[in-house]
Protein backbone atom coordinates (compact mmCIF):
# COMPACT_ATOMS: atom_id res chain seq x y z
CA MET A 1 36.77 241.43 154.70
CA ASN A 2 36.77 241.63 150.85
CA LYS A 3 40.85 241.27 150.95
CA LYS A 4 39.91 237.76 152.97
CA ILE A 5 37.26 236.62 150.21
CA ILE A 6 39.73 237.33 147.39
CA LEU A 7 42.28 235.55 149.27
CA LEU A 8 40.39 232.52 149.73
CA ILE A 9 39.64 232.71 146.25
CA LEU A 10 43.09 232.73 145.12
CA MET A 11 43.95 229.67 147.63
CA SER A 12 41.33 227.84 146.31
CA THR A 13 42.00 228.25 143.20
CA PHE A 14 45.75 227.37 143.63
CA ILE A 15 44.81 224.15 145.46
CA LEU A 16 42.81 222.79 143.02
CA SER A 17 45.69 223.39 139.92
CA CYS A 18 48.14 221.33 141.91
CA ASN A 19 45.42 218.88 143.13
CA GLU A 20 44.66 218.39 138.79
CA GLN A 21 48.25 218.51 138.77
CA GLU A 22 48.56 215.42 141.26
CA LYS A 23 46.16 213.61 139.31
CA LYS A 24 47.49 214.39 135.58
CA THR A 25 51.01 212.98 136.79
CA SER A 26 49.18 209.90 138.87
CA LYS A 27 47.27 208.74 135.69
CA PHE A 28 50.41 209.10 133.59
CA LEU A 29 52.55 207.19 135.97
CA LYS A 30 50.18 204.06 136.22
CA ARG A 31 50.59 203.33 132.82
CA TYR A 32 53.93 201.90 133.58
CA ASP A 33 55.60 199.78 136.11
CA LYS A 34 58.80 200.82 135.95
CA ILE A 35 60.74 204.35 134.69
CA ARG A 36 64.62 204.36 133.74
CA LEU A 37 66.51 207.73 133.54
CA VAL A 38 69.67 207.03 131.48
CA SER A 39 72.34 209.70 130.90
CA TYR A 40 75.13 209.72 127.61
CA ASN A 41 78.40 210.87 128.12
CA THR A 42 78.23 213.49 125.14
CA HIS A 43 75.47 214.75 122.15
CA ARG A 44 74.22 212.48 119.69
CA ASP A 45 74.65 214.01 115.94
CA VAL A 46 70.78 213.69 115.68
CA TYR A 47 71.16 214.45 112.13
CA SER A 48 72.37 211.64 110.98
CA SER A 49 70.99 208.28 110.47
CA LYS A 50 74.34 206.81 111.40
CA PHE A 51 73.64 207.81 115.17
CA GLU A 52 69.82 207.12 114.98
CA LEU A 53 68.69 205.86 118.59
CA LYS A 54 66.95 202.49 118.11
CA ILE A 55 64.93 200.33 121.00
CA GLU A 56 65.29 196.67 119.91
CA LYS A 57 64.40 193.93 121.82
CA ASP A 58 64.06 195.92 124.60
CA THR A 59 67.62 197.49 124.57
CA ILE A 60 68.32 200.78 123.57
CA ARG A 61 70.81 201.25 120.95
CA ILE A 62 72.60 204.76 120.15
CA PRO A 63 76.08 203.97 118.32
CA ASP A 64 79.23 205.77 119.34
CA ILE A 65 77.40 206.83 122.63
CA ASN A 66 78.60 205.36 126.24
CA ILE A 67 75.66 205.52 129.02
CA ILE A 68 76.77 207.80 131.76
CA ASP A 69 74.08 207.40 134.51
CA ASN A 70 71.30 204.27 134.50
CA VAL A 71 68.99 204.88 137.24
CA VAL A 72 65.68 203.35 137.81
CA LEU A 73 63.50 205.56 138.76
CA ASP A 74 61.61 205.37 142.02
CA LYS A 75 58.16 206.40 142.94
CA HIS A 76 59.04 210.02 144.53
CA TYR A 77 61.57 210.92 141.11
CA SER A 78 59.16 209.08 138.92
CA GLU A 79 56.19 211.73 140.26
CA LYS A 80 59.03 214.76 140.21
CA ILE A 81 60.04 214.48 136.56
CA ALA A 82 56.73 213.55 135.58
CA GLU A 83 55.01 216.74 137.17
CA VAL A 84 57.72 218.54 135.37
CA LEU A 85 57.22 216.76 132.07
CA LEU A 86 53.45 217.01 132.26
CA SER A 87 53.06 220.70 133.36
CA THR A 88 52.66 223.71 130.94
CA GLU A 89 54.29 227.39 130.98
CA GLU A 90 53.09 230.44 129.64
CA GLU A 91 56.38 231.42 127.55
CA CYS A 92 57.91 228.64 125.82
CA LEU A 93 61.67 229.09 125.05
CA LEU A 94 63.23 226.97 122.81
CA ALA A 95 67.08 227.09 121.54
CA ASP A 96 67.67 226.06 117.83
CA CYS A 97 69.92 223.23 118.53
CA TYR A 98 68.71 219.94 119.80
CA ASN A 99 71.92 218.18 121.75
CA PRO A 100 70.25 214.63 123.56
CA ARG A 101 72.02 213.77 126.49
CA HIS A 102 69.05 212.21 128.36
CA LEU A 103 66.90 209.54 127.79
CA ILE A 104 63.85 207.69 129.63
CA LEU A 105 62.60 204.81 129.02
CA PHE A 106 59.31 203.65 130.22
CA TYR A 107 58.30 200.16 130.92
CA LYS A 108 55.42 197.72 130.89
CA GLN A 109 55.66 194.28 132.31
CA ASN A 110 59.66 194.62 131.69
CA LYS A 111 59.00 195.94 128.09
CA ILE A 112 59.87 199.27 127.03
CA VAL A 113 56.95 200.76 125.38
CA ASP A 114 57.63 204.81 125.56
CA PHE A 115 60.59 207.03 125.36
CA TYR A 116 61.30 210.39 126.30
CA GLU A 117 64.87 211.74 124.95
CA PHE A 118 65.72 215.49 125.70
CA CYS A 119 68.12 218.07 126.18
CA ALA A 120 67.75 219.91 129.14
CA GLU A 121 70.39 222.54 128.16
CA CYS A 122 68.51 223.61 125.04
CA GLY A 123 64.84 222.09 125.58
CA GLY A 124 64.96 220.23 122.46
CA SER A 125 63.33 216.57 122.94
CA ARG A 126 61.69 213.76 120.86
CA GLN A 127 59.14 211.14 122.52
CA SER A 128 57.30 208.13 121.18
CA LYS A 129 54.04 208.35 119.47
CA ASN A 130 51.81 207.20 123.11
CA ILE A 131 53.49 210.25 124.83
CA ALA A 132 52.05 213.69 124.86
CA PHE A 133 54.14 215.90 127.19
CA PRO A 134 54.05 219.61 125.91
CA GLU A 135 57.11 221.28 124.78
CA LEU A 136 60.03 221.03 127.06
CA CYS A 137 61.24 224.28 127.11
CA THR A 138 64.45 225.56 128.81
CA ASP A 139 62.58 227.12 132.07
CA LYS A 140 61.77 223.07 132.33
CA GLY A 141 64.82 222.00 131.62
CA ASP A 142 66.31 224.27 134.23
CA LYS A 143 63.51 222.11 136.72
CA LEU A 144 64.75 218.88 135.57
CA ILE A 145 68.85 220.21 136.10
CA GLU A 146 67.82 220.78 139.71
CA ILE A 147 66.26 217.12 140.37
CA PHE A 148 69.38 215.47 138.65
CA LYS A 149 71.47 217.32 141.11
CA GLU A 150 69.40 216.11 144.03
CA MET A 151 69.97 212.63 142.25
CA LYS A 152 73.17 213.40 142.51
CA LEU A 153 73.50 212.21 138.76
CA LYS A 154 76.90 212.26 136.87
CA ASN A 155 75.59 213.91 134.18
CA ASP A 156 73.48 216.30 135.65
CA GLY A 157 71.93 217.79 132.58
CA GLU A 158 74.14 221.25 133.20
CA GLU A 159 77.51 221.43 130.97
CA SER A 160 80.47 221.20 132.98
CA ASP A 161 84.42 220.12 132.30
CA THR A 162 83.42 216.81 131.93
CA TYR A 163 79.93 217.33 129.75
CA LYS A 164 80.50 219.08 126.84
CA TYR A 165 77.19 219.97 124.94
CA PHE A 166 79.04 221.13 121.82
């Protein structure tokens, strides 16, 4: 009998936790009309103001970077990616580099209102002031890589012969 009660308590806790995450994700996504995922051909030199990411007139400008993927996310992938980005990890490992190759643009009434730039490989990220994602961490980066592979992105976040991080 005790085992059944413990199992019931554990399952209830898990279900409540999943429900809270769904509510958190849904609430976040309701803030936006459209979400676009962009990937670059190479990492940019984030330590030089020459290569600074600029958003002007609802267009991104990044010198010396070629866009590889430019995808408007459907509801399914918006939810999957937001769920990962909003999650928290017990242990958060980060590398000491920051080689961003992906950018998520958030739109409201066809205007870019927020952004989130990140490196799935090292876990580093930058975000606009209205977004409060927890640290990306390498484990969350791995989850994003799996989603990008499922989406069949050309730059799925994993280093290959075609896409070098360093």
